[in-house]
Amino acid sequence: MLHRVKDLSPEQKVAVEALLGRTVSSDEAVSVRAVAPATIIPSQLSPEARAEALRALDRYFAKVESGRKPVSDEEEEAIFIEAMRSVRPSFRPVE
């Protein structure tokens, strides 16, 4: 459910800002959602299940890789940096 910041109580606004780590303006909207924990924790998988999960990931990534257009190392680096900055705006590549 979406909540308009202007409709929140002062206490709710403070809680939202604490969770987000920034101030919110009255023209913004926020949504809060509870997520149940995963039912299977990777460390609880049997060795066989872990090996099968790894094989499935290898197959998936091989399929993705087979459909990828070749790019130069420079293009690959630029794509990676753009993706990182889209989720972490302060990302700085190590030089």
C-alpha atoms as a PDB file:
ATOM      1  CA  MET A   1       0.000   0.000   0.000  1.00  0.00           C
ATOM      2  CA  LEU A   2       1.269   3.448  -0.907  1.00  0.00           C
ATOM      3  CA  HIS A   3       1.249   6.198   1.730  1.00  0.00           C
ATOM      4  CA  ARG A   4       1.656   9.881   0.987  1.00  0.00           C
ATOM      5  CA  VAL A   5       4.263  11.441   3.236  1.00  0.00           C
ATOM      6  CA  LYS A   6       1.994  14.425   3.853  1.00  0.00           C
ATOM      7  CA  ASP A   7      -0.576  12.030   5.394  1.00  0.00           C
ATOM      8  CA  LEU A   8       1.890  10.384   7.810  1.00  0.00           C
ATOM      9  CA  SER A   9       2.054  11.275  11.480  1.00  0.00           C
ATOM     10  CA  PRO A  10       5.259  13.005  12.603  1.00  0.00           C
ATOM     11  CA  GLU A  11       6.365   9.759  14.282  1.00  0.00           C
ATOM     12  CA  GLN A  12       5.741   7.749  11.115  1.00  0.00           C
ATOM     13  CA  LYS A  13       7.663  10.277   9.033  1.00  0.00           C
ATOM     14  CA  VAL A  14      10.619  10.078  11.437  1.00  0.00           C
ATOM     15  CA  ALA A  15      10.541   6.256  11.233  1.00  0.00           C
ATOM     16  CA  VAL A  16      10.462   6.323   7.407  1.00  0.00           C
ATOM     17  CA  GLU A  17      13.352   8.763   7.290  1.00  0.00           C
ATOM     18  CA  ALA A  18      15.347   6.620   9.711  1.00  0.00           C
ATOM     19  CA  LEU A  19      14.761   3.538   7.546  1.00  0.00           C
ATOM     20  CA  LEU A  20      15.626   5.337   4.313  1.00  0.00           C
ATOM     21  CA  GLY A  21      18.546   7.229   5.787  1.00  0.00           C
ATOM     22  CA  ARG A  22      17.383  10.517   4.279  1.00  0.00           C
ATOM     23  CA  THR A  23      14.689  13.121   4.671  1.00  0.00           C
ATOM     24  CA  VAL A  24      11.478  12.763   2.688  1.00  0.00           C
ATOM     25  CA  SER A  25       9.434  15.605   1.272  1.00  0.00           C
ATOM     26  CA  SER A  26       5.691  15.978   1.654  1.00  0.00           C
ATOM     27  CA  ASP A  27       5.126  15.387  -2.082  1.00  0.00           C
ATOM     28  CA  GLU A  28       6.709  11.899  -1.926  1.00  0.00           C
ATOM     29  CA  ALA A  29       4.967   8.596  -1.312  1.00  0.00           C
ATOM     30  CA  VAL A  30       6.334   5.576   0.533  1.00  0.00           C
ATOM     31  CA  SER A  31       5.488   1.928   0.602  1.00  0.00           C
ATOM     32  CA  VAL A  32       6.411  -0.446   3.408  1.00  0.00           C
ATOM     33  CA  ARG A  33       6.312  -4.183   2.932  1.00  0.00           C
ATOM     34  CA  ALA A  34       7.149  -7.083   5.221  1.00  0.00           C
ATOM     35  CA  VAL A  35       8.891 -10.042   3.603  1.00  0.00           C
ATOM     36  CA  ALA A  36       8.927 -13.498   5.142  1.00  0.00           C
ATOM     37  CA  PRO A  37      12.360 -15.060   5.579  1.00  0.00           C
ATOM     38  CA  ALA A  38      13.473 -17.648   3.063  1.00  0.00           C
ATOM     39  CA  THR A  39      12.406 -21.132   4.063  1.00  0.00           C
ATOM     40  CA  ILE A  40      15.652 -22.717   2.889  1.00  0.00           C
ATOM     41  CA  ILE A  41      18.954 -21.262   3.994  1.00  0.00           C
ATOM     42  CA  PRO A  42      21.787 -22.208   1.596  1.00  0.00           C
ATOM     43  CA  SER A  43      23.925 -23.506   4.464  1.00  0.00           C
ATOM     44  CA  GLN A  44      21.137 -25.971   5.293  1.00  0.00           C
ATOM     45  CA  LEU A  45      21.189 -27.577   1.839  1.00  0.00           C
ATOM     46  CA  SER A  46      22.613 -31.044   1.493  1.00  0.00           C
ATOM     47  CA  PRO A  47      25.866 -31.339  -0.453  1.00  0.00           C
ATOM     48  CA  GLU A  48      23.923 -32.947  -3.317  1.00  0.00           C
ATOM     49  CA  ALA A  49      21.360 -30.115  -3.395  1.00  0.00           C
ATOM     50  CA  ARG A  50      24.143 -27.519  -3.342  1.00  0.00           C
ATOM     51  CA  ALA A  51      25.912 -29.282  -6.221  1.00  0.00           C
ATOM     52  CA  GLU A  52      22.680 -29.412  -8.257  1.00  0.00           C
ATOM     53  CA  ALA A  53      21.999 -25.729  -7.569  1.00  0.00           C
ATOM     54  CA  LEU A  54      25.513 -24.909  -8.786  1.00  0.00           C
ATOM     55  CA  ARG A  55      24.991 -26.993 -11.946  1.00  0.00           C
ATOM     56  CA  ALA A  56      21.682 -25.206 -12.587  1.00  0.00           C
ATOM     57  CA  LEU A  57      23.381 -21.826 -12.209  1.00  0.00           C
ATOM     58  CA  ASP A  58      26.189 -22.912 -14.554  1.00  0.00           C
ATOM     59  CA  ARG A  59      23.589 -23.950 -17.164  1.00  0.00           C
ATOM     60  CA  TYR A  60      21.706 -20.683 -16.754  1.00  0.00           C
ATOM     61  CA  PHE A  61      24.807 -18.501 -17.100  1.00  0.00           C
ATOM     62  CA  ALA A  62      26.041 -20.534 -20.088  1.00  0.00           C
ATOM     63  CA  LYS A  63      22.677 -19.919 -21.785  1.00  0.00           C
ATOM     64  CA  VAL A  64      22.847 -16.191 -21.023  1.00  0.00           C
ATOM     65  CA  GLU A  65      26.453 -16.024 -22.236  1.00  0.00           C
ATOM     66  CA  SER A  66      25.627 -17.814 -25.499  1.00  0.00           C
ATOM     67  CA  GLY A  67      23.111 -15.108 -26.434  1.00  0.00           C
ATOM     68  CA  ARG A  68      25.345 -12.185 -25.532  1.00  0.00           C
ATOM     69  CA  LYS A  69      26.786  -9.995 -28.256  1.00  0.00           C
ATOM     70  CA  PRO A  70      30.561  -9.694 -28.119  1.00  0.00           C
ATOM     71  CA  VAL A  71      31.804  -6.380 -26.711  1.00  0.00           C
ATOM     72  CA  SER A  72      35.225  -4.914 -26.100  1.00  0.00           C
ATOM     73  CA  ASP A  73      36.767  -4.903 -22.642  1.00  0.00           C
ATOM     74  CA  GLU A  74      36.185  -1.138 -22.490  1.00  0.00           C
ATOM     75  CA  GLU A  75      32.477  -1.501 -23.353  1.00  0.00           C
ATOM     76  CA  GLU A  76      32.113  -4.285 -20.804  1.00  0.00           C
ATOM     77  CA  GLU A  77      33.694  -2.118 -18.102  1.00  0.00           C
ATOM     78  CA  ALA A  78      31.458   0.860 -19.017  1.00  0.00           C
ATOM     79  CA  ILE A  79      28.339  -1.348 -18.861  1.00  0.00           C
ATOM     80  CA  PHE A  80      29.389  -2.699 -15.475  1.00  0.00           C
ATOM     81  CA  ILE A  81      30.074   0.767 -14.058  1.00  0.00           C
ATOM     82  CA  GLU A  82      26.724   2.060 -15.351  1.00  0.00           C
ATOM     83  CA  ALA A  83      24.903  -0.872 -13.735  1.00  0.00           C
ATOM     84  CA  MET A  84      26.702  -0.384 -10.429  1.00  0.00           C
ATOM     85  CA  ARG A  85      25.984   3.346 -10.384  1.00  0.00           C
ATOM     86  CA  SER A  86      22.309   2.709 -11.113  1.00  0.00           C
ATOM     87  CA  VAL A  87      22.010   0.868  -7.787  1.00  0.00           C
ATOM     88  CA  ARG A  88      24.835   2.592  -5.888  1.00  0.00           C
ATOM     89  CA  PRO A  89      25.137   6.180  -7.109  1.00  0.00           C
ATOM     90  CA  SER A  90      28.314   6.752  -5.094  1.00  0.00           C
ATOM     91  CA  PHE A  91      30.076   3.732  -6.675  1.00  0.00           C
ATOM     92  CA  ARG A  92      33.652   4.475  -7.703  1.00  0.00           C
ATOM     93  CA  PRO A  93      35.611   1.858  -9.647  1.00  0.00           C
ATOM     94  CA  VAL A  94      38.961   0.786  -8.242  1.00  0.00           C
ATOM     95  CA  GLU A  95      41.762   1.951 -10.489  1.00  0.00           C
END
